[in-house]
C-alpha cells in the first residue's frame, strides 16, 4: 500500500478559522500511523479561491480527498477509513 499523504492548509483563512489547532497532527500522525502516513503543512491549498463565498475552512487534503471544516478528529477518522482501520 502506498503511503497516505496528508496536507494541512496553513494559509491565513484556514489558520484563523481553526487550522492552528491542526498543527497537532504533525505530532499525532507519526506516533499513531508510523510510516504509513506522511503529513506536511501547505502554505495554501487554494480551496478558498475556488469556493470563497462558501468557504468551509480549515481544509486538509488526504491524498485526493478534501476535508472541509477539518478538525483533528475528522482527519484521523478519514485516515483510519483509508487504512481500513474502521
C-alpha atoms as a PDB file:
ATOM      1  CA  UNK A   1       0.000   0.000   0.000  1.00  0.00           C
ATOM      2  CA  UNK A   2       1.244   3.454  -0.884  1.00  0.00           C
ATOM      3  CA  UNK A   3       1.880   5.990   1.822  1.00  0.00           C
ATOM      4  CA  UNK A   4      -1.107   8.245   2.546  1.00  0.00           C
ATOM      5  CA  UNK A   5      -0.358  11.930   2.033  1.00  0.00           C
ATOM      6  CA  UNK A   6      -1.899  14.465   4.418  1.00  0.00           C
ATOM      7  CA  UNK A   7      -1.531  18.172   3.653  1.00  0.00           C
ATOM      8  CA  UNK A   8      -2.741  20.708   6.208  1.00  0.00           C
ATOM      9  CA  UNK A   9      -3.539  24.142   4.786  1.00  0.00           C
ATOM     10  CA  UNK A  10      -1.725  26.832   6.728  1.00  0.00           C
ATOM     11  CA  UNK A  11      -3.000  29.734   4.627  1.00  0.00           C
ATOM     12  CA  UNK A  12      -4.316  32.753   6.514  1.00  0.00           C
ATOM     13  CA  UNK A  13      -8.019  31.926   6.266  1.00  0.00           C
ATOM     14  CA  UNK A  14      -7.555  28.300   7.273  1.00  0.00           C
ATOM     15  CA  UNK A  15      -5.141  29.188  10.052  1.00  0.00           C
ATOM     16  CA  UNK A  16      -7.507  31.771  11.553  1.00  0.00           C
ATOM     17  CA  UNK A  17     -10.561  29.523  11.204  1.00  0.00           C
ATOM     18  CA  UNK A  18      -9.066  26.647  13.189  1.00  0.00           C
ATOM     19  CA  UNK A  19      -6.116  25.418  11.194  1.00  0.00           C
ATOM     20  CA  UNK A  20      -3.773  26.412  14.001  1.00  0.00           C
ATOM     21  CA  UNK A  21      -5.209  23.504  16.026  1.00  0.00           C
ATOM     22  CA  UNK A  22      -4.438  21.103  13.183  1.00  0.00           C
ATOM     23  CA  UNK A  23      -0.715  21.531  13.761  1.00  0.00           C
ATOM     24  CA  UNK A  24      -1.139  18.822  16.417  1.00  0.00           C
ATOM     25  CA  UNK A  25      -1.390  16.355  13.540  1.00  0.00           C
ATOM     26  CA  UNK A  26       2.345  16.726  12.900  1.00  0.00           C
ATOM     27  CA  UNK A  27       2.959  15.015  16.266  1.00  0.00           C
ATOM     28  CA  UNK A  28      -0.053  12.691  16.378  1.00  0.00           C
ATOM     29  CA  UNK A  29       0.127  11.114  12.919  1.00  0.00           C
ATOM     30  CA  UNK A  30       3.698   9.713  13.091  1.00  0.00           C
ATOM     31  CA  UNK A  31       3.030   8.258  16.552  1.00  0.00           C
ATOM     32  CA  UNK A  32      -0.280   6.691  15.537  1.00  0.00           C
ATOM     33  CA  UNK A  33       0.448   5.510  11.975  1.00  0.00           C
ATOM     34  CA  UNK A  34       4.226   5.274  11.721  1.00  0.00           C
ATOM     35  CA  UNK A  35       5.479   5.384   8.154  1.00  0.00           C
ATOM     36  CA  UNK A  36       2.063   4.611   6.589  1.00  0.00           C
ATOM     37  CA  UNK A  37       1.101   8.299   6.564  1.00  0.00           C
ATOM     38  CA  UNK A  38       3.093  11.370   5.623  1.00  0.00           C
ATOM     39  CA  UNK A  39       1.942  14.733   6.994  1.00  0.00           C
ATOM     40  CA  UNK A  40       3.037  18.207   5.944  1.00  0.00           C
ATOM     41  CA  UNK A  41       1.871  21.780   6.105  1.00  0.00           C
ATOM     42  CA  UNK A  42       0.984  23.592   2.912  1.00  0.00           C
ATOM     43  CA  UNK A  43       1.204  27.375   2.501  1.00  0.00           C
ATOM     44  CA  UNK A  44      -2.234  27.232   0.824  1.00  0.00           C
ATOM     45  CA  UNK A  45      -4.354  24.518  -0.795  1.00  0.00           C
ATOM     46  CA  UNK A  46      -6.238  27.137  -2.817  1.00  0.00           C
ATOM     47  CA  UNK A  47      -9.667  25.931  -1.743  1.00  0.00           C
ATOM     48  CA  UNK A  48     -10.912  29.352  -0.624  1.00  0.00           C
ATOM     49  CA  UNK A  49     -10.221  30.823  -4.042  1.00  0.00           C
ATOM     50  CA  UNK A  50     -12.304  28.070  -5.646  1.00  0.00           C
ATOM     51  CA  UNK A  51     -15.325  28.484  -3.382  1.00  0.00           C
ATOM     52  CA  UNK A  52     -14.745  31.680  -1.455  1.00  0.00           C
ATOM     53  CA  UNK A  53     -18.439  32.514  -0.950  1.00  0.00           C
ATOM     54  CA  UNK A  54     -18.954  29.106   0.634  1.00  0.00           C
ATOM     55  CA  UNK A  55     -15.669  28.798   2.461  1.00  0.00           C
ATOM     56  CA  UNK A  56     -15.552  25.906   4.866  1.00  0.00           C
ATOM     57  CA  UNK A  57     -12.045  26.435   6.187  1.00  0.00           C
ATOM     58  CA  UNK A  58      -9.880  24.948   7.523  1.00  0.00           C
ATOM     59  CA  UNK A  59      -9.059  22.446   4.785  1.00  0.00           C
ATOM     60  CA  UNK A  60      -6.956  19.299   4.845  1.00  0.00           C
ATOM     61  CA  UNK A  61      -6.137  17.223   1.781  1.00  0.00           C
ATOM     62  CA  UNK A  62      -5.772  13.473   2.252  1.00  0.00           C
ATOM     63  CA  UNK A  63      -4.417  12.062  -0.991  1.00  0.00           C
ATOM     64  CA  UNK A  64      -7.002  13.500  -3.431  1.00  0.00           C
ATOM     65  CA  UNK A  65      -9.815  13.970  -0.907  1.00  0.00           C
ATOM     66  CA  UNK A  66     -10.551  17.360   0.658  1.00  0.00           C
ATOM     67  CA  UNK A  67     -11.789  17.576   4.247  1.00  0.00           C
ATOM     68  CA  UNK A  68     -13.782  20.769   4.837  1.00  0.00           C
ATOM     69  CA  UNK A  69     -14.124  22.333   8.294  1.00  0.00           C
ATOM     70  CA  UNK A  70     -11.340  19.986   9.310  1.00  0.00           C
ATOM     71  CA  UNK A  71     -10.698  19.003  12.894  1.00  0.00           C
ATOM     72  CA  UNK A  72      -8.075  16.658  14.300  1.00  0.00           C
ATOM     73  CA  UNK A  73     -10.815  14.088  14.899  1.00  0.00           C
ATOM     74  CA  UNK A  74     -12.208  14.317  11.336  1.00  0.00           C
ATOM     75  CA  UNK A  75      -8.742  13.936   9.839  1.00  0.00           C
ATOM     76  CA  UNK A  76      -7.835  10.922  11.985  1.00  0.00           C
ATOM     77  CA  UNK A  77     -11.183   9.299  11.169  1.00  0.00           C
ATOM     78  CA  UNK A  78     -10.593   9.813   7.428  1.00  0.00           C
ATOM     79  CA  UNK A  79      -7.099   8.296   7.712  1.00  0.00           C
ATOM     80  CA  UNK A  80      -8.482   5.298   9.635  1.00  0.00           C
ATOM     81  CA  UNK A  81     -11.088   4.797   6.916  1.00  0.00           C
ATOM     82  CA  UNK A  82      -8.441   4.935   4.163  1.00  0.00           C
ATOM     83  CA  UNK A  83      -6.289   2.448   6.042  1.00  0.00           C
ATOM     84  CA  UNK A  84      -9.282   0.175   6.645  1.00  0.00           C
ATOM     85  CA  UNK A  85      -8.964   0.577  10.418  1.00  0.00           C
ATOM     86  CA  UNK A  86     -12.656   1.427  10.811  1.00  0.00           C
END
